[in-house]
Protein backbone atom coordinates (compact mmCIF):
# COMPACT_ATOMS: atom_id res chain seq x y z
CA MET A 1 118.07 116.58 132.03
CA SER A 2 114.94 114.85 132.09
CA ALA A 3 112.92 114.61 128.52
CA ARG A 4 110.30 117.14 128.29
CA ALA A 5 106.81 115.66 128.14
CA ALA A 6 103.22 116.80 127.47
CA VAL A 7 100.97 115.82 130.51
CA VAL A 8 97.27 116.00 130.83
CA ALA A 9 96.91 118.77 133.44
CA GLY A 10 93.05 119.12 133.29
CA LEU A 11 89.89 117.52 131.70
CA GLY A 12 86.40 118.91 130.95
CA ALA A 13 83.57 117.95 128.99
CA TYR A 14 80.07 119.24 128.17
CA ALA A 15 76.92 117.65 126.68
CA PRO A 16 73.54 119.73 126.01
CA GLU A 17 70.67 119.14 128.15
CA ARG A 18 68.14 118.10 125.65
CA ILE A 19 67.96 114.25 125.51
CA LEU A 20 66.48 112.86 122.14
CA THR A 21 65.64 108.95 122.73
CA ASN A 22 65.12 106.27 120.51
CA ALA A 23 61.14 106.62 121.58
CA ASP A 24 61.22 110.13 120.13
CA LEU A 25 62.85 108.79 116.98
CA GLU A 26 60.29 106.48 116.45
CA GLN A 27 57.76 109.41 116.17
CA MET A 28 59.87 110.87 113.38
CA LEU A 29 61.18 108.11 111.44
CA ASP A 30 60.40 104.49 110.19
CA THR A 31 62.56 102.87 112.89
CA SER A 32 62.26 101.41 116.51
CA ASP A 33 64.11 101.15 119.69
CA ASP A 34 64.85 97.42 119.26
CA TRP A 35 66.23 98.29 115.71
CA ILE A 36 68.49 101.10 116.72
CA VAL A 37 69.95 99.11 119.76
CA SER A 38 70.50 95.99 117.98
CA ARG A 39 72.57 97.59 115.43
CA THR A 40 74.07 100.49 117.07
CA GLY A 41 73.82 100.12 120.81
CA ILE A 42 72.55 103.74 121.16
CA ARG A 43 69.35 104.53 123.35
CA GLU A 44 69.53 108.09 123.41
CA ARG A 45 71.84 111.14 122.51
CA ARG A 46 71.97 114.69 123.36
CA ILE A 47 71.19 117.68 121.05
CA ALA A 48 72.11 121.14 121.11
CA ALA A 49 69.57 123.88 122.20
CA PRO A 50 68.70 126.76 119.78
CA GLY A 51 71.63 129.22 119.98
CA GLU A 52 73.73 126.49 121.15
CA THR A 53 76.90 126.28 118.80
CA ALA A 54 80.11 124.46 118.39
CA SER A 55 81.89 127.45 120.19
CA SER A 56 79.51 127.49 123.07
CA LEU A 57 79.88 123.63 124.00
CA GLY A 58 83.50 124.03 123.33
CA ALA A 59 83.74 126.90 125.79
CA ALA A 60 81.74 125.14 128.46
CA ALA A 61 84.17 122.10 128.32
CA SER A 62 87.14 124.15 128.23
CA ARG A 63 85.91 126.00 131.40
CA ALA A 64 85.69 122.87 133.00
CA ALA A 65 89.24 121.69 131.83
CA LEU A 66 90.80 125.03 132.70
CA ALA A 67 89.12 124.86 136.29
CA ASP A 68 90.42 121.15 136.61
CA SER A 69 93.84 122.06 135.82
CA GLY A 70 93.87 125.21 138.15
CA VAL A 71 95.55 126.95 134.97
CA ASP A 72 94.73 130.53 134.52
CA PRO A 73 93.60 131.33 130.84
CA THR A 74 96.54 133.62 130.53
CA ALA A 75 98.82 130.98 131.07
CA ILE A 76 97.54 129.15 127.95
CA ASP A 77 100.12 129.53 124.96
CA MET A 78 97.85 128.15 122.24
CA VAL A 79 94.13 126.68 121.37
CA ILE A 80 93.79 124.00 119.03
CA CYS A 81 90.07 123.04 118.47
CA ALA A 82 89.02 119.75 116.56
CA THR A 83 85.71 120.33 114.74
CA ASN A 84 83.78 119.13 111.88
CA THR A 85 80.69 121.51 112.63
CA GLY A 86 82.26 124.93 113.20
CA ASP A 87 79.95 127.94 113.94
CA THR A 88 80.95 129.09 110.36
CA PRO A 89 83.44 127.98 107.85
CA PHE A 90 85.55 130.70 108.96
CA PRO A 91 86.69 132.31 111.05
CA CYS A 92 88.21 129.45 113.17
CA THR A 93 86.05 127.93 115.90
CA ALA A 94 89.07 127.96 118.20
CA GLY A 95 89.26 131.72 118.17
CA ARG A 96 85.56 131.82 119.02
CA VAL A 97 86.08 129.43 122.01
CA TRP A 98 88.85 131.39 123.41
CA LEU A 99 86.76 134.72 122.90
CA ARG A 100 84.19 133.22 125.00
CA LEU A 101 86.81 132.46 127.61
CA ASN A 102 87.81 135.94 127.73
CA GLY A 103 91.33 134.63 126.90
CA PRO A 104 94.20 137.28 125.72
CA PRO A 105 95.24 137.04 122.17
CA ARG A 106 96.83 133.82 121.45
CA PRO A 107 97.33 131.52 118.54
CA ALA A 108 94.25 129.55 117.87
CA PHE A 109 93.31 127.42 114.94
CA ASP A 110 91.02 124.48 114.02
CA VAL A 111 91.93 120.70 113.01
CA GLN A 112 89.47 119.07 110.67
CA ALA A 113 89.99 115.26 110.23
CA GLY A 114 86.63 113.83 110.75
CA CYS A 115 86.02 111.87 114.06
CA THR A 116 89.78 111.62 114.29
CA GLY A 117 90.27 115.06 114.85
CA TRP A 118 90.79 115.42 118.41
CA VAL A 119 93.47 112.60 118.41
CA TYR A 120 95.07 114.66 115.69
CA ALA A 121 94.76 117.70 117.65
CA LEU A 122 96.23 115.96 120.90
CA GLU A 123 99.45 114.64 119.15
CA LEU A 124 99.98 118.05 117.42
CA GLY A 125 99.67 119.86 120.94
CA ARG A 126 102.15 117.16 122.46
CA ALA A 127 104.72 117.69 119.59
CA LEU A 128 104.68 121.55 120.09
CA ILE A 129 105.13 121.02 123.70
CA VAL A 130 108.00 118.60 123.37
CA ALA A 131 109.78 120.62 120.71
CA GLY A 132 109.62 123.60 123.24
CA ALA A 133 107.32 125.79 121.28
CA VAL A 134 104.95 126.11 123.78
CA GLU A 135 104.21 125.41 127.65
CA ARG A 136 100.62 124.98 127.67
CA VAL A 137 97.98 124.12 125.05
CA LEU A 138 94.09 123.91 125.20
CA VAL A 139 93.11 121.08 122.91
CA VAL A 140 89.12 121.31 122.40
CA ALA A 141 86.69 118.88 120.89
CA THR A 142 83.35 120.10 119.96
CA ASP A 143 80.78 118.93 117.25
CA VAL A 144 77.14 119.92 116.95
CA LEU A 145 76.27 117.03 114.39
CA SER A 146 72.35 117.66 114.68
CA SER A 147 73.06 120.62 112.47
CA ILE A 148 74.24 118.43 109.60
CA VAL A 149 72.05 115.30 110.03
CA ASP A 150 69.16 114.66 107.51
CA TRP A 151 66.49 114.00 110.05
CA GLU A 152 64.51 112.13 107.08
CA ASP A 153 67.46 109.67 106.66
CA ARG A 154 67.17 106.89 109.35
CA SER A 155 70.49 105.38 108.50
CA THR A 156 72.33 108.28 109.97
CA ALA A 157 69.60 110.39 111.86
CA VAL A 158 69.55 107.60 114.66
CA LEU A 159 73.55 107.65 115.06
CA PHE A 160 74.55 111.17 116.15
CA GLY A 161 74.39 113.48 118.86
CA ASP A 162 76.23 116.90 120.21
CA GLY A 163 78.85 117.27 122.71
CA ALA A 164 82.47 118.81 123.60
CA GLY A 165 85.39 117.96 125.67
CA ALA A 166 88.88 119.54 126.16
CA VAL A 167 91.91 118.91 127.97
CA VAL A 168 94.86 121.21 129.13
CA LEU A 169 98.26 120.01 127.85
CA GLU A 170 101.25 121.19 129.95
CA ALA A 171 104.94 120.71 129.65
CA SER A 172 106.64 118.52 132.35
CA ALA A 173 109.64 116.55 132.95
CA SER A 174 107.44 113.68 134.19
CA THR A 175 107.27 110.24 132.93
CA ARG A 176 103.57 110.58 132.50
CA GLY A 177 101.62 112.31 129.55
CA VAL A 178 101.00 111.39 125.89
CA LEU A 179 103.51 108.57 125.20
CA GLY A 180 103.05 107.96 121.49
CA SER A 181 100.59 108.20 118.65
CA SER A 182 99.73 106.75 115.39
CA LEU A 183 97.89 108.75 112.65
CA ASN A 184 96.92 107.96 109.24
CA CYS A 185 94.55 108.80 106.28
CA ASP A 186 93.50 107.30 103.10
CA GLY A 187 91.74 109.90 100.87
CA ALA A 188 90.32 107.37 98.58
CA GLY A 189 87.80 106.38 101.28
CA GLY A 190 86.63 110.15 101.37
CA PRO A 191 83.39 109.48 99.36
CA LEU A 192 82.37 107.07 102.09
CA LEU A 193 81.59 109.43 104.68
CA MET A 194 81.15 113.34 103.57
CA LEU A 195 79.30 116.36 103.35
CA PRO A 196 78.84 116.96 99.78
CA ALA A 197 77.72 120.52 99.34
CA GLY A 198 78.88 123.78 100.62
CA GLY A 199 82.50 123.73 99.73
CA SER A 200 84.39 124.72 96.61
CA ALA A 201 83.78 121.64 94.89
CA MET A 202 80.00 122.10 95.07
CA PRO A 203 79.18 125.45 95.99
CA ALA A 204 75.71 126.19 97.72
CA ASN A 205 72.80 126.77 95.37
CA GLN A 206 69.22 126.04 95.10
CA GLU A 207 69.90 122.67 93.68
CA THR A 208 72.13 121.51 96.31
CA VAL A 209 69.66 122.60 98.97
CA VAL A 210 66.55 120.70 96.99
CA ARG A 211 68.83 117.76 96.78
CA ARG A 212 69.68 117.82 100.34
CA GLN A 213 73.34 117.87 99.75
CA HIS A 214 74.15 119.98 102.79
CA TYR A 215 73.44 116.76 105.09
CA MET A 216 76.04 114.19 106.21
CA LYS A 217 76.21 111.06 103.82
CA MET A 218 77.57 107.75 104.57
CA ALA A 219 77.99 104.46 103.30
CA GLY A 220 77.47 102.71 106.51
CA ASN A 221 78.59 99.11 105.76
CA ASP A 222 81.73 100.29 104.17
CA VAL A 223 82.69 102.52 106.94
CA PHE A 224 81.81 99.68 109.52
CA ARG A 225 84.26 97.25 107.73
CA PHE A 226 87.04 100.03 107.50
CA ALA A 227 86.63 100.82 111.38
CA VAL A 228 87.03 97.34 112.50
CA LYS A 229 90.28 97.08 111.03
CA ALA A 230 91.24 100.62 111.81
CA LEU A 231 90.72 100.65 115.60
CA PRO A 232 93.11 97.86 116.30
CA GLU A 233 95.86 98.96 113.69
CA SER A 234 95.90 102.62 115.12
CA ILE A 235 96.24 101.08 118.79
CA ALA A 236 99.04 98.80 117.65
CA GLY A 237 100.87 101.52 116.15
CA ALA A 238 100.51 103.88 119.10
CA LEU A 239 101.90 101.11 121.68
CA GLN A 240 104.75 100.80 119.29
CA ALA A 241 105.41 104.47 119.11
CA ALA A 242 105.03 104.51 122.98
CA HIS A 243 107.55 101.39 123.46
CA LEU A 244 104.64 99.63 125.33
CA THR A 245 102.50 96.46 124.65
CA LEU A 246 98.90 95.51 125.15
CA GLU A 247 99.61 94.02 128.40
CA ASP A 248 100.63 97.56 129.56
CA LEU A 249 97.22 99.06 128.67
CA ASP A 250 94.82 99.55 131.52
CA LEU A 251 92.07 100.97 129.48
CA VAL A 252 91.06 101.55 125.90
CA VAL A 253 88.82 104.72 125.24
CA PRO A 254 87.54 104.27 121.53
CA HIS A 255 85.51 106.72 119.47
CA GLN A 256 81.94 105.98 120.33
CA ALA A 257 80.43 105.38 116.79
CA ASN A 258 78.79 102.08 117.05
CA ALA A 259 78.91 99.56 119.88
CA ARG A 260 79.26 96.67 117.44
CA ILE A 261 82.35 98.21 116.06
CA ILE A 262 83.82 98.59 119.48
CA GLU A 263 83.01 94.85 120.25
CA ALA A 264 84.69 93.72 117.03
CA ALA A 265 87.86 95.64 117.66
CA ALA A 266 88.29 94.17 121.04
CA ARG A 267 88.10 90.59 119.71
CA ARG A 268 90.66 91.51 117.04
CA LEU A 269 92.86 93.02 119.76
CA GLY A 270 92.20 90.04 121.99
CA VAL A 271 91.49 92.48 124.76
CA ASP A 272 88.43 92.15 126.89
CA LEU A 273 85.67 94.45 126.40
CA SER A 274 85.67 95.23 130.10
CA ARG A 275 88.99 96.91 129.57
CA PHE A 276 87.16 99.40 127.12
CA VAL A 277 85.23 102.48 128.19
CA VAL A 278 81.79 102.50 126.26
CA ASN A 279 79.08 104.97 126.91
CA ILE A 280 77.59 105.19 123.31
CA GLU A 281 74.41 104.11 124.82
CA ARG A 282 73.80 107.65 126.34
CA TYR A 283 75.29 109.94 123.72
CA GLY A 284 75.27 108.29 120.45
CA ASN A 285 78.21 109.16 117.92
CA THR A 286 79.58 112.68 119.16
CA SER A 287 82.35 112.77 116.65
CA VAL A 288 85.40 114.41 117.90
CA ALA A 289 83.98 114.83 121.21
CA SER A 290 83.25 111.33 121.88
CA ILE A 291 86.53 110.34 123.49
CA PRO A 292 86.84 113.29 125.86
CA LEU A 293 83.37 112.83 127.01
CA ALA A 294 84.10 109.30 127.61
CA LEU A 295 87.35 110.04 129.46
CA ALA A 296 85.70 112.44 131.65
CA GLU A 297 82.97 109.81 132.71
CA ALA A 298 85.70 107.07 133.21
CA ARG A 299 87.47 109.26 135.58
CA ALA A 300 84.47 110.38 137.42
CA ALA A 301 83.60 106.48 137.97
CA GLY A 302 87.26 105.95 139.31
CA ARG A 303 88.50 104.16 136.27
CA ILE A 304 91.11 106.50 135.47
CA GLY A 305 93.70 107.80 138.06
CA PRO A 306 97.50 108.69 138.54
CA ASP A 307 99.60 106.40 136.22
CA THR A 308 96.60 104.77 134.59
CA VAL A 309 97.88 103.76 131.05
CA LEU A 310 95.17 104.20 128.35
CA ALA A 311 94.72 104.27 124.67
CA VAL A 312 92.55 106.68 122.81
CA ALA A 313 91.64 105.68 119.33
CA ALA A 314 89.46 106.94 116.62
CA PHE A 315 88.48 106.79 113.06
CA GLY A 316 86.24 109.08 110.76
CA ALA A 317 85.81 111.03 107.37
CA GLY A 318 88.98 111.38 105.48
CA LEU A 319 89.10 108.41 105.83
CA THR A 320 91.07 109.02 108.80
CA TRP A 321 92.16 107.03 111.74
CA GLY A 322 94.67 107.27 114.58
CA ALA A 323 95.35 106.32 118.37
CA THR A 324 97.30 107.98 121.17
CA VAL A 325 98.62 106.24 124.28
CA ILE A 326 98.75 108.23 127.61
CA ARG A 327 100.02 107.77 131.16
CA TRP A 328 97.65 109.82 133.00
CA GLY A 329 98.38 112.51 135.44
CA ARG A 330 100.80 115.46 135.96
C-alpha cells in the first residue's frame, strides 16, 4: 500500500486593488523612493480598502483556491487560517472566512506564528492528512498589516502591505505533495518584533493609545541579522526531513520581507538568486500571505508545474522560523 501524502490540489491568492507607492509615502513621511528601494527593494504595496478585513481577503483567496482545485466546499474537512491581524481577537478568523464561503460547519481555527504562520499551518494540515484524520484541508493565509502599522514611523511604514493566499491540501497516494518541514521558535527574541498592547500583559487603555503601543514595533537591524541565518537554516532542515539536497530544488519561495535578506540568504545557501521567487517590489511584506502570493505569481509565469520541487521558507515574530519542501502537483 502506498504511503499517504498531502498534495497541493489548488492554489489561490488575492491582493487589494489600492496601490501605495513610494512616491505616495514621500508625501506622508520623511523618506524617499531611493532610500526605500536601496534598503528594502520595495517600490509599492497593496492596502486594504475600508471594509476589507483579514476574513474578506482570506475568503477571496480561498474561493480562487477552491475553484483551482475543483473541490466543492462541502468536501473540505477542516479550515486552518494563519493570520496576525484577525478581524477581532476572537472569534477565529478561520470561522469568519468559512462563513463567507457559505461552507457547512467544520473544524476551523487560527494559527498565529508571526510571518511564519502559513508555513506552520501548512505543516499542521499535512500532518493531519498523513495521520488519516482528514481528507482535505483549506489552509489560508491573510493579513491586513496596514491596520497595525504606525504611519508616522518610517522604519516600519514603508515595509508592509496587505494580501491573502490559500491552498487546498488533499490526501493522495502520490509521490508528490508536502515532503518535509522544519519549524522553530525562540521566545527570547519576542521583544524584537511585537505588538505591545491589546493583550493580557498590557490591556488597552488611554495611555497605551497615547503612547501608540497598538502599532507594530520592530528592532529592524536585529531582525535582519536573525533572518539572514534563519532562512538558510530552515531550508536545510526541511530538505533533510524530505531526504533531498539543495541540488534537488528547482525553486526557493522565501518570505518577502526584504530583498537584501533574500539576497544574503541565497549567498549563504550557495544558490543562485535566479532560483528564488522575488516579488517584494510590488507587494512589500504581506506577512503570512507573502509566500502563497509569490507561489501564485510564479505558477502564472510558468515557473511552477507538475513535479517542480520547491522550498517555502519564512521567519517572523516569535521569533519563529521554518520551511517546507513541496513536490508540486496532485
